[in-house]
Amino acid sequence: HQKALEQVRVRMAEEQLFQAREALRIAIEAEREAEAKVRATEALEKNAAQARAEMEEKEKVKRVRLAQTTSARNGAIARHEFRVAHQHKVDDVQHEMMEREMAERAA
């Protein structure tokens, strides 16, 4: 009778030990999964931040290019307007000189 009681106690202790080990294994696995999720989330956040930085840089480059293009276009327009105005002055002076010559010849 005593021996049977002892065997029951040993089996109960073994069962408790098995369940404790199983609970520990499950807890360790859950912790590993949580750590993996944290790492994955951190990686996603890092990638998102990097993508945002790249997009901002691309937008900045676009703005600079647009400003340069606009500046160059405005410069070309200003140079053209200057050349046209200068040519008009030259034409006016030549016309005036021709009129003077004709007036001198007529006189």
PDB file of N, CA and C in Angstrom:
ATOM      1  N   HIS A   1       0.831  -1.196   0.000  1.00  0.00           N
ATOM      2  CA  HIS A   1       0.000   0.000   0.000  1.00  0.00           C
ATOM      3  C   HIS A   1       0.879   1.265   0.000  1.00  0.00           C
ATOM      4  N   GLN A   2       1.880   1.272   0.829  1.00  0.00           N
ATOM      5  CA  GLN A   2       2.807   2.409   0.933  1.00  0.00           C
ATOM      6  C   GLN A   2       3.551   2.622  -0.384  1.00  0.00           C
ATOM      7  N   LYS A   3       3.947   1.509  -1.000  1.00  0.00           N
ATOM      8  CA  LYS A   3       4.692   1.575  -2.256  1.00  0.00           C
ATOM      9  C   LYS A   3       3.812   2.147  -3.375  1.00  0.00           C
ATOM     10  N   ALA A   4       2.558   1.756  -3.439  1.00  0.00           N
ATOM     11  CA  ALA A   4       1.625   2.257  -4.446  1.00  0.00           C
ATOM     12  C   ALA A   4       1.413   3.758  -4.253  1.00  0.00           C
ATOM     13  N   LEU A   5       1.283   4.194  -3.005  1.00  0.00           N
ATOM     14  CA  LEU A   5       1.125   5.614  -2.688  1.00  0.00           C
ATOM     15  C   LEU A   5       2.353   6.410  -3.145  1.00  0.00           C
ATOM     16  N   GLU A   6       3.523   5.847  -2.897  1.00  0.00           N
ATOM     17  CA  GLU A   6       4.783   6.487  -3.305  1.00  0.00           C
ATOM     18  C   GLU A   6       4.851   6.599  -4.833  1.00  0.00           C
ATOM     19  N   GLN A   7       4.419   5.539  -5.535  1.00  0.00           N
ATOM     20  CA  GLN A   7       4.430   5.566  -7.006  1.00  0.00           C
ATOM     21  C   GLN A   7       3.482   6.640  -7.542  1.00  0.00           C
ATOM     22  N   VAL A   8       2.326   6.797  -6.901  1.00  0.00           N
ATOM     23  CA  VAL A   8       1.362   7.827  -7.307  1.00  0.00           C
ATOM     24  C   VAL A   8       1.988   9.210  -7.112  1.00  0.00           C
ATOM     25  N   ARG A   9       2.652   9.412  -5.985  1.00  0.00           N
ATOM     26  CA  ARG A   9       3.319  10.704  -5.714  1.00  0.00           C
ATOM     27  C   ARG A   9       4.402  10.986  -6.762  1.00  0.00           C
ATOM     28  N   VAL A  10       5.195   9.946  -7.099  1.00  0.00           N
ATOM     29  CA  VAL A  10       6.264  10.110  -8.087  1.00  0.00           C
ATOM     30  C   VAL A  10       5.652  10.470  -9.437  1.00  0.00           C
ATOM     31  N   ARG A  11       4.564   9.766  -9.828  1.00  0.00           N
ATOM     32  CA  ARG A  11       3.915  10.064 -11.100  1.00  0.00           C
ATOM     33  C   ARG A  11       3.348  11.486 -11.116  1.00  0.00           C
ATOM     34  N   MET A  12       2.769  11.906 -10.003  1.00  0.00           N
ATOM     35  CA  MET A  12       2.221  13.270  -9.912  1.00  0.00           C
ATOM     36  C   MET A  12       3.350  14.305 -10.022  1.00  0.00           C
ATOM     37  N   ALA A  13       4.459  14.022  -9.363  1.00  0.00           N
ATOM     38  CA  ALA A  13       5.603  14.936  -9.420  1.00  0.00           C
ATOM     39  C   ALA A  13       6.158  14.987 -10.841  1.00  0.00           C
ATOM     40  N   GLU A  14       6.244  13.814 -11.496  1.00  0.00           N
ATOM     41  CA  GLU A  14       6.724  13.779 -12.879  1.00  0.00           C
ATOM     42  C   GLU A  14       5.783  14.555 -13.804  1.00  0.00           C
ATOM     43  N   GLU A  15       4.474  14.381 -13.587  1.00  0.00           N
ATOM     44  CA  GLU A  15       3.477  15.094 -14.397  1.00  0.00           C
ATOM     45  C   GLU A  15       3.597  16.606 -14.183  1.00  0.00           C
ATOM     46  N   GLN A  16       3.764  17.018 -12.926  1.00  0.00           N
ATOM     47  CA  GLN A  16       3.922  18.453 -12.633  1.00  0.00           C
ATOM     48  C   GLN A  16       5.197  19.002 -13.284  1.00  0.00           C
ATOM     49  N   LEU A  17       6.272  18.206 -13.218  1.00  0.00           N
ATOM     50  CA  LEU A  17       7.532  18.615 -13.834  1.00  0.00           C
ATOM     51  C   LEU A  17       7.362  18.744 -15.351  1.00  0.00           C
ATOM     52  N   PHE A  18       6.672  17.765 -15.961  1.00  0.00           N
ATOM     53  CA  PHE A  18       6.440  17.809 -17.401  1.00  0.00           C
ATOM     54  C   PHE A  18       5.628  19.058 -17.773  1.00  0.00           C
ATOM     55  N   GLN A  19       4.564  19.312 -17.001  1.00  0.00           N
ATOM     56  CA  GLN A  19       3.714  20.479 -17.290  1.00  0.00           C
ATOM     57  C   GLN A  19       4.480  21.786 -17.078  1.00  0.00           C
ATOM     58  N   ALA A  20       5.340  21.825 -16.076  1.00  0.00           N
ATOM     59  CA  ALA A  20       6.144  23.030 -15.836  1.00  0.00           C
ATOM     60  C   ALA A  20       7.117  23.249 -16.995  1.00  0.00           C
ATOM     61  N   ARG A  21       7.744  22.161 -17.444  1.00  0.00           N
ATOM     62  CA  ARG A  21       8.663  22.273 -18.586  1.00  0.00           C
ATOM     63  C   ARG A  21       7.920  22.726 -19.842  1.00  0.00           C
ATOM     64  N   GLU A  22       6.737  22.163 -20.065  1.00  0.00           N
ATOM     65  CA  GLU A  22       5.924  22.521 -21.227  1.00  0.00           C
ATOM     66  C   GLU A  22       5.522  24.003 -21.158  1.00  0.00           C
ATOM     67  N   ALA A  23       5.115  24.450 -19.977  1.00  0.00           N
ATOM     68  CA  ALA A  23       4.740  25.864 -19.806  1.00  0.00           C
ATOM     69  C   ALA A  23       5.949  26.763 -20.068  1.00  0.00           C
ATOM     70  N   LEU A  24       7.122  26.345 -19.599  1.00  0.00           N
ATOM     71  CA  LEU A  24       8.344  27.115 -19.824  1.00  0.00           C
ATOM     72  C   LEU A  24       8.667  27.160 -21.322  1.00  0.00           C
ATOM     73  N   ARG A  25       8.542  26.012 -21.998  1.00  0.00           N
ATOM     74  CA  ARG A  25       8.808  25.960 -23.433  1.00  0.00           C
ATOM     75  C   ARG A  25       7.861  26.897 -24.190  1.00  0.00           C
ATOM     76  N   ILE A  26       6.588  26.874 -23.826  1.00  0.00           N
ATOM     77  CA  ILE A  26       5.597  27.741 -24.475  1.00  0.00           C
ATOM     78  C   ILE A  26       5.922  29.215 -24.213  1.00  0.00           C
ATOM     79  N   ALA A  27       6.321  29.525 -22.983  1.00  0.00           N
ATOM     80  CA  ALA A  27       6.656  30.915 -22.637  1.00  0.00           C
ATOM     81  C   ALA A  27       7.878  31.390 -23.419  1.00  0.00           C
ATOM     82  N   ILE A  28       8.890  30.520 -23.529  1.00  0.00           N
ATOM     83  CA  ILE A  28      10.104  30.876 -24.281  1.00  0.00           C
ATOM     84  C   ILE A  28       9.762  31.093 -25.753  1.00  0.00           C
ATOM     85  N   GLU A  29       8.933  30.214 -26.302  1.00  0.00           N
ATOM     86  CA  GLU A  29       8.525  30.346 -27.704  1.00  0.00           C
ATOM     87  C   GLU A  29       7.751  31.649 -27.923  1.00  0.00           C
ATOM     88  N   ALA A  30       6.854  31.976 -26.999  1.00  0.00           N
ATOM     89  CA  ALA A  30       6.082  33.221 -27.108  1.00  0.00           C
ATOM     90  C   ALA A  30       7.013  34.433 -27.031  1.00  0.00           C
ATOM     91  N   GLU A  31       8.015  34.356 -26.162  1.00  0.00           N
ATOM     92  CA  GLU A  31       8.969  35.464 -26.037  1.00  0.00           C
ATOM     93  C   GLU A  31       9.778  35.627 -27.329  1.00  0.00           C
ATOM     94  N   ARG A  32      10.197  34.500 -27.908  1.00  0.00           N
ATOM     95  CA  ARG A  32      10.941  34.564 -29.175  1.00  0.00           C
ATOM     96  C   ARG A  32      10.090  35.184 -30.278  1.00  0.00           C
ATOM     97  N   GLU A  33       8.817  34.769 -30.343  1.00  0.00           N
ATOM     98  CA  GLU A  33       7.917  35.328 -31.352  1.00  0.00           C
ATOM     99  C   GLU A  33       7.728  36.829 -31.142  1.00  0.00           C
ATOM    100  N   ALA A  34       7.595  37.233 -29.875  1.00  0.00           N
ATOM    101  CA  ALA A  34       7.425  38.660 -29.575  1.00  0.00           C
ATOM    102  C   ALA A  34       8.669  39.440 -29.989  1.00  0.00           C
ATOM    103  N   GLU A  35       9.848  38.891 -29.697  1.00  0.00           N
ATOM    104  CA  GLU A  35      11.096  39.554 -30.092  1.00  0.00           C
ATOM    105  C   GLU A  35      11.199  39.649 -31.614  1.00  0.00           C
ATOM    106  N   ALA A  36      10.795  38.580 -32.302  1.00  0.00           N
ATOM    107  CA  ALA A  36      10.831  38.591 -33.766  1.00  0.00           C
ATOM    108  C   ALA A  36       9.878  39.657 -34.315  1.00  0.00           C
ATOM    109  N   LYS A  37       8.688  39.780 -33.690  1.00  0.00           N
ATOM    110  CA  LYS A  37       7.735  40.809 -34.122  1.00  0.00           C
ATOM    111  C   LYS A  37       8.317  42.202 -33.899  1.00  0.00           C
ATOM    112  N   VAL A  38       8.975  42.398 -32.757  1.00  0.00           N
ATOM    113  CA  VAL A  38       9.585  43.703 -32.468  1.00  0.00           C
ATOM    114  C   VAL A  38      10.650  44.015 -33.513  1.00  0.00           C
ATOM    115  N   ARG A  39      11.497  43.020 -33.812  1.00  0.00           N
ATOM    116  CA  ARG A  39      12.545  43.240 -34.822  1.00  0.00           C
ATOM    117  C   ARG A  39      11.931  43.549 -36.187  1.00  0.00           C
ATOM    118  N   ALA A  40      10.886  42.811 -36.544  1.00  0.00           N
ATOM    119  CA  ALA A  40      10.229  43.040 -37.837  1.00  0.00           C
ATOM    120  C   ALA A  40       9.608  44.439 -37.883  1.00  0.00           C
ATOM    121  N   THR A  41       8.968  44.843 -36.793  1.00  0.00           N
ATOM    122  CA  THR A  41       8.366  46.180 -36.727  1.00  0.00           C
ATOM    123  C   THR A  41       9.438  47.251 -36.840  1.00  0.00           C
ATOM    124  N   GLU A  42      10.555  47.058 -36.129  1.00  0.00           N
ATOM    125  CA  GLU A  42      11.657  48.027 -36.196  1.00  0.00           C
ATOM    126  C   GLU A  42      12.213  48.108 -37.618  1.00  0.00           C
ATOM    127  N   ALA A  43      12.336  46.949 -38.270  1.00  0.00           N
ATOM    128  CA  ALA A  43      12.848  46.934 -39.646  1.00  0.00           C
ATOM    129  C   ALA A  43      11.883  47.666 -40.580  1.00  0.00           C
ATOM    130  N   LEU A  44      10.574  47.429 -40.393  1.00  0.00           N
ATOM    131  CA  LEU A  44       9.579  48.123 -41.220  1.00  0.00           C
ATOM    132  C   LEU A  44       9.644  49.628 -41.000  1.00  0.00           C
ATOM    133  N   GLU A  45       9.761  50.035 -39.732  1.00  0.00           N
ATOM    134  CA  GLU A  45       9.842  51.469 -39.427  1.00  0.00           C
ATOM    135  C   GLU A  45      11.094  52.079 -40.046  1.00  0.00           C
ATOM    136  N   LYS A  46      12.212  51.336 -39.964  1.00  0.00           N
ATOM    137  CA  LYS A  46      13.465  51.835 -40.536  1.00  0.00           C
ATOM    138  C   LYS A  46      13.325  51.975 -42.054  1.00  0.00           C
ATOM    139  N   ASN A  47      12.734  50.951 -42.694  1.00  0.00           N
ATOM    140  CA  ASN A  47      12.533  51.005 -44.146  1.00  0.00           C
ATOM    141  C   ASN A  47      11.607  52.151 -44.534  1.00  0.00           C
ATOM    142  N   ALA A  48      10.541  52.343 -43.742  1.00  0.00           N
ATOM    143  CA  ALA A  48       9.600  53.430 -44.033  1.00  0.00           C
ATOM    144  C   ALA A  48      10.297  54.780 -43.898  1.00  0.00           C
ATOM    145  N   ALA A  49      11.108  54.933 -42.853  1.00  0.00           N
ATOM    146  CA  ALA A  49      11.834  56.196 -42.660  1.00  0.00           C
ATOM    147  C   ALA A  49      12.809  56.423 -43.809  1.00  0.00           C
ATOM    148  N   GLN A  50      13.478  55.356 -44.217  1.00  0.00           N
ATOM    149  CA  GLN A  50      14.435  55.466 -45.328  1.00  0.00           C
ATOM    150  C   GLN A  50      13.702  55.832 -46.622  1.00  0.00           C
ATOM    151  N   ALA A  51      12.557  55.191 -46.847  1.00  0.00           N
ATOM    152  CA  ALA A  51      11.771  55.488 -48.052  1.00  0.00           C
ATOM    153  C   ALA A  51      11.295  56.940 -48.030  1.00  0.00           C
ATOM    154  N   ARG A  52      10.854  57.407 -46.837  1.00  0.00           N
ATOM    155  CA  ARG A  52      10.426  58.806 -46.716  1.00  0.00           C
ATOM    156  C   ARG A  52      11.580  59.747 -47.030  1.00  0.00           C
ATOM    157  N   ALA A  53      12.757  59.440 -46.483  1.00  0.00           N
ATOM    158  CA  ALA A  53      13.936  60.285 -46.723  1.00  0.00           C
ATOM    159  C   ALA A  53      14.284  60.310 -48.213  1.00  0.00           C
ATOM    160  N   GLU A  54      14.205  59.147 -48.867  1.00  0.00           N
ATOM    161  CA  GLU A  54      14.499  59.085 -50.303  1.00  0.00           C
ATOM    162  C   GLU A  54      13.489  59.899 -51.105  1.00  0.00           C
ATOM    163  N   MET A  55      12.205  59.797 -50.735  1.00  0.00           N
ATOM    164  CA  MET A  55      11.170  60.565 -51.433  1.00  0.00           C
ATOM    165  C   MET A  55      11.394  62.063 -51.243  1.00  0.00           C
ATOM    166  N   GLU A  56      11.729  62.456 -50.002  1.00  0.00           N
ATOM    167  CA  GLU A  56      11.985  63.874 -49.737  1.00  0.00           C
ATOM    168  C   GLU A  56      13.172  64.364 -50.558  1.00  0.00           C
ATOM    169  N   GLU A  57      14.205  63.533 -50.659  1.00  0.00           N
ATOM    170  CA  GLU A  57      15.385  63.910 -51.446  1.00  0.00           C
ATOM    171  C   GLU A  57      15.014  64.057 -52.920  1.00  0.00           C
ATOM    172  N   LYS A  58      14.198  63.109 -53.435  1.00  0.00           N
ATOM    173  CA  LYS A  58      13.768  63.195 -54.836  1.00  0.00           C
ATOM    174  C   LYS A  58      12.955  64.466 -55.076  1.00  0.00           C
ATOM    175  N   GLU A  59      12.058  64.788 -54.135  1.00  0.00           N
ATOM    176  CA  GLU A  59      11.252  66.002 -54.267  1.00  0.00           C
ATOM    177  C   GLU A  59      12.143  67.240 -54.249  1.00  0.00           C
ATOM    178  N   LYS A  60      13.151  67.218 -53.378  1.00  0.00           N
ATOM    179  CA  LYS A  60      14.081  68.351 -53.294  1.00  0.00           C
ATOM    180  C   LYS A  60      14.824  68.517 -54.625  1.00  0.00           C
ATOM    181  N   VAL A  61      15.293  67.396 -55.176  1.00  0.00           N
ATOM    182  CA  VAL A  61      16.003  67.440 -56.464  1.00  0.00           C
ATOM    183  C   VAL A  61      15.077  67.985 -57.549  1.00  0.00           C
ATOM    184  N   LYS A  62      13.810  67.532 -57.539  1.00  0.00           N
ATOM    185  CA  LYS A  62      12.840  68.025 -58.526  1.00  0.00           C
ATOM    186  C   LYS A  62      12.668  69.535 -58.400  1.00  0.00           C
ATOM    187  N   ARG A  63      12.517  70.007 -57.137  1.00  0.00           N
ATOM    188  CA  ARG A  63      12.326  71.447 -56.925  1.00  0.00           C
ATOM    189  C   ARG A  63      13.539  72.232 -57.412  1.00  0.00           C
ATOM    190  N   VAL A  64      14.747  71.712 -57.117  1.00  0.00           N
ATOM    191  CA  VAL A  64      15.972  72.400 -57.552  1.00  0.00           C
ATOM    192  C   VAL A  64      16.039  72.433 -59.071  1.00  0.00           C
ATOM    193  N   ARG A  65      15.749  71.297 -59.710  1.00  0.00           N
ATOM    194  CA  ARG A  65      15.782  71.243 -61.178  1.00  0.00           C
ATOM    195  C   ARG A  65      14.781  72.214 -61.788  1.00  0.00           C
ATOM    196  N   LEU A  66      13.578  72.228 -61.202  1.00  0.00           N
ATOM    197  CA  LEU A  66      12.545  73.134 -61.706  1.00  0.00           C
ATOM    198  C   LEU A  66      13.002  74.585 -61.553  1.00  0.00           C
ATOM    199  N   ALA A  67      13.585  74.897 -60.395  1.00  0.00           N
ATOM    200  CA  ALA A  67      14.066  76.266 -60.169  1.00  0.00           C
ATOM    201  C   ALA A  67      15.169  76.615 -61.166  1.00  0.00           C
ATOM    202  N   GLN A  68      16.073  75.664 -61.397  1.00  0.00           N
ATOM    203  CA  GLN A  68      17.163  75.909 -62.353  1.00  0.00           C
ATOM    204  C   GLN A  68      16.607  76.101 -63.762  1.00  0.00           C
ATOM    205  N   THR A  69      15.656  75.258 -64.134  1.00  0.00           N
ATOM    206  CA  THR A  69      15.047  75.345 -65.464  1.00  0.00           C
ATOM    207  C   THR A  69      14.339  76.687 -65.621  1.00  0.00           C
ATOM    208  N   THR A  70      13.568  77.056 -64.589  1.00  0.00           N
ATOM    209  CA  THR A  70      12.844  78.325 -64.629  1.00  0.00           C
ATOM    210  C   THR A  70      13.820  79.485 -64.724  1.00  0.00           C
ATOM    211  N   SER A  71      14.881  79.417 -63.925  1.00  0.00           N
ATOM    212  CA  SER A  71      15.891  80.475 -63.932  1.00  0.00           C
ATOM    213  C   SER A  71      16.548  80.575 -65.305  1.00  0.00           C
ATOM    214  N   ALA A  72      16.904  79.436 -65.871  1.00  0.00           N
ATOM    215  CA  ALA A  72      17.543  79.419 -67.193  1.00  0.00           C
ATOM    216  C   ALA A  72      16.584  79.968 -68.245  1.00  0.00           C
ATOM    217  N   ARG A  73      15.322  79.562 -68.156  1.00  0.00           N
ATOM    218  CA  ARG A  73      14.320  80.033 -69.115  1.00  0.00           C
ATOM    219  C   ARG A  73      14.154  81.550 -68.989  1.00  0.00           C
ATOM    220  N   ASN A  74      14.055  82.032 -67.741  1.00  0.00           N
ATOM    221  CA  ASN A  74      13.912  83.474 -67.531  1.00  0.00           C
ATOM    222  C   ASN A  74      15.136  84.218 -68.050  1.00  0.00           C
ATOM    223  N   GLY A  75      16.317  83.647 -67.842  1.00  0.00           N
ATOM    224  CA  GLY A  75      17.546  84.265 -68.345  1.00  0.00           C
ATOM    225  C   GLY A  75      17.548  84.325 -69.863  1.00  0.00           C
ATOM    226  N   ALA A  76      17.122  83.243 -70.497  1.00  0.00           N
ATOM    227  CA  ALA A  76      17.080  83.199 -71.964  1.00  0.00           C
ATOM    228  C   ALA A  76      16.080  84.223 -72.491  1.00  0.00           C
ATOM    229  N   ILE A  77      14.944  84.326 -71.825  1.00  0.00           N
ATOM    230  CA  ILE A  77      13.928  85.303 -72.244  1.00  0.00           C
ATOM    231  C   ILE A  77      14.484  86.721 -72.105  1.00  0.00           C
ATOM    232  N   ALA A  78      15.141  86.987 -70.972  1.00  0.00           N
ATOM    233  CA  ALA A  78      15.700  88.325 -70.745  1.00  0.00           C
ATOM    234  C   ALA A  78      16.767  88.650 -71.795  1.00  0.00           C
ATOM    235  N   ARG A  79      17.627  87.681 -72.105  1.00  0.00           N
ATOM    236  CA  ARG A  79      18.667  87.909 -73.121  1.00  0.00           C
ATOM    237  C   ARG A  79      18.037  88.175 -74.487  1.00  0.00           C
ATOM    238  N   HIS A  80      17.010  87.403 -74.808  1.00  0.00           N
ATOM    239  CA  HIS A  80      16.325  87.590 -76.087  1.00  0.00           C
ATOM    240  C   HIS A  80      15.699  88.992 -76.153  1.00  0.00           C
ATOM    241  N   GLU A  81      15.016  89.380 -75.065  1.00  0.00           N
ATOM    242  CA  GLU A  81      14.391  90.709 -75.041  1.00  0.00           C
ATOM    243  C   GLU A  81      15.447  91.801 -75.190  1.00  0.00           C
ATOM    244  N   PHE A  82      16.596  91.620 -74.530  1.00  0.00           N
ATOM    245  CA  PHE A  82      17.675  92.604 -74.637  1.00  0.00           C
ATOM    246  C   PHE A  82      18.170  92.695 -76.083  1.00  0.00           C
ATOM    247  N   ARG A  83      18.390  91.521 -76.716  1.00  0.00           N
ATOM    248  CA  ARG A  83      18.875  91.510 -78.108  1.00  0.00           C
ATOM    249  C   ARG A  83      17.873  92.185 -79.044  1.00  0.00           C
ATOM    250  N   VAL A  84      16.591  91.885 -78.840  1.00  0.00           N
ATOM    251  CA  VAL A  84      15.556  92.487 -79.691  1.00  0.00           C
ATOM    252  C   VAL A  84      15.545  94.003 -79.499  1.00  0.00           C
ATOM    253  N   ALA A  85      15.589  94.453 -78.237  1.00  0.00           N
ATOM    254  CA  ALA A  85      15.581  95.897 -77.965  1.00  0.00           C
ATOM    255  C   ALA A  85      16.819  96.555 -78.570  1.00  0.00           C
ATOM    256  N   HIS A  86      17.966  95.895 -78.426  1.00  0.00           N
ATOM    257  CA  HIS A  86      19.206  96.440 -78.973  1.00  0.00           C
ATOM    258  C   HIS A  86      19.118  96.523 -80.500  1.00  0.00           C
ATOM    259  N   GLN A  87      18.587  95.478 -81.111  1.00  0.00           N
ATOM    260  CA  GLN A  87      18.457  95.465 -82.573  1.00  0.00           C
ATOM    261  C   GLN A  87      17.527  96.590 -83.028  1.00  0.00           C
ATOM    262  N   HIS A  88      16.453  96.839 -82.262  1.00  0.00           N
ATOM    263  CA  HIS A  88      15.549  97.942 -82.600  1.00  0.00           C
ATOM    264  C   HIS A  88      16.292  99.273 -82.554  1.00  0.00           C
ATOM    265  N   LYS A  89      17.131  99.449 -81.509  1.00  0.00           N
ATOM    266  CA  LYS A  89      17.912 100.692 -81.405  1.00  0.00           C
ATOM    267  C   LYS A  89      18.856 100.828 -82.598  1.00  0.00           C
ATOM    268  N   VAL A  90      19.535  99.725 -82.941  1.00  0.00           N
ATOM    269  CA  VAL A  90      20.453  99.740 -84.088  1.00  0.00           C
ATOM    270  C   VAL A  90      19.685 100.100 -85.355  1.00  0.00           C
ATOM    271  N   ASP A  91      18.522  99.463 -85.539  1.00  0.00           N
ATOM    272  CA  ASP A  91      17.700  99.746 -86.721  1.00  0.00           C
ATOM    273  C   ASP A  91      17.284 101.215 -86.756  1.00  0.00           C
ATOM    274  N   ASP A  92      16.877 101.731 -85.581  1.00  0.00           N
ATOM    275  CA  ASP A  92      16.464 103.141 -85.514  1.00  0.00           C
ATOM    276  C   ASP A  92      17.616 104.069 -85.889  1.00  0.00           C
ATOM    277  N   VAL A  93      18.814 103.797 -85.356  1.00  0.00           N
ATOM    278  CA  VAL A  93      19.986 104.633 -85.647  1.00  0.00           C
ATOM    279  C   VAL A  93      20.321 104.559 -87.135  1.00  0.00           C
ATOM    280  N   GLN A  94      20.296 103.340 -87.710  1.00  0.00           N
ATOM    281  CA  GLN A  94      20.606 103.184 -89.138  1.00  0.00           C
ATOM    282  C   GLN A  94      19.578 103.931 -89.988  1.00  0.00           C
ATOM    283  N   HIS A  95      18.314 103.809 -89.579  1.00  0.00           N
ATOM    284  CA  HIS A  95      17.248 104.481 -90.314  1.00  0.00           C
ATOM    285  C   HIS A  95      17.450 106.002 -90.266  1.00  0.00           C
ATOM    286  N   GLU A  96      17.777 106.488 -89.065  1.00  0.00           N
ATOM    287  CA  GLU A  96      18.011 107.926 -88.891  1.00  0.00           C
ATOM    288  C   GLU A  96      19.199 108.387 -89.737  1.00  0.00           C
ATOM    289  N   MET A  97      20.271 107.567 -89.764  1.00  0.00           N
ATOM    290  CA  MET A  97      21.453 107.918 -90.557  1.00  0.00           C
ATOM    291  C   MET A  97      21.108 107.951 -92.051  1.00  0.00           C
ATOM    292  N   MET A  98      20.298 106.966 -92.501  1.00  0.00           N
ATOM    293  CA  MET A  98      19.910 106.940 -93.912  1.00  0.00           C
ATOM    294  C   MET A  98      19.078 108.168 -94.250  1.00  0.00           C
ATOM    295  N   GLU A  99      18.183 108.553 -93.342  1.00  0.00           N
ATOM    296  CA  GLU A  99      17.363 109.743 -93.580  1.00  0.00           C
ATOM    297  C   GLU A  99      18.242 110.984 -93.671  1.00  0.00           C
ATOM    298  N   ARG A 100      19.259 111.082 -92.799  1.00  0.00           N
ATOM    299  CA  ARG A 100      20.179 112.229 -92.827  1.00  0.00           C
ATOM    300  C   ARG A 100      20.935 112.275 -94.156  1.00  0.00           C
ATOM    301  N   GLU A 101      21.437 111.075 -94.575  1.00  0.00           N
ATOM    302  CA  GLU A 101      22.188 111.019 -95.843  1.00  0.00           C
ATOM    303  C   GLU A 101      21.305 111.463 -97.005  1.00  0.00           C
ATOM    304  N   MET A 102      20.066 110.980 -97.008  1.00  0.00           N
ATOM    305  CA  MET A 102      19.158 111.328 -98.094  1.00  0.00           C
ATOM    306  C   MET A 102      18.841 112.824 -98.057  1.00  0.00           C
ATOM    307  N   ALA A 103      18.695 113.347 -96.842  1.00  0.00           N
ATOM    308  CA  ALA A 103      18.414 114.784 -96.703  1.00  0.00           C
ATOM    309  C   ALA A 103      19.610 115.597 -97.171  1.00  0.00           C
ATOM    310  N   GLU A 104      20.826 115.105 -96.842  1.00  0.00           N
ATOM    311  CA  GLU A 104      22.045 115.811 -97.273  1.00  0.00           C
ATOM    312  C   GLU A 104      22.171 115.775 -98.793  1.00  0.00           C
ATOM    313  N   ARG A 105      21.856 114.628 -99.400  1.00  0.00           N
ATOM    314  CA  ARG A 105      21.951 114.495-100.860  1.00  0.00           C
ATOM    315  C   ARG A 105      20.933 115.408-101.541  1.00  0.00           C
ATOM    316  N   ALA A 106      19.774 115.443-100.933  1.00  0.00           N
ATOM    317  CA  ALA A 106      18.713 116.268-101.521  1.00  0.00           C
ATOM    318  C   ALA A 106      19.051 117.748-101.395  1.00  0.00           C
ATOM    319  N   ALA A 107      19.803 118.067-100.375  1.00  0.00           N
ATOM    320  CA  ALA A 107      20.117 119.491-100.149  1.00  0.00           C
ATOM    321  C   ALA A 107      21.258 119.980-100.957  1.00  0.00           C
TER     322      ALA A 107
END
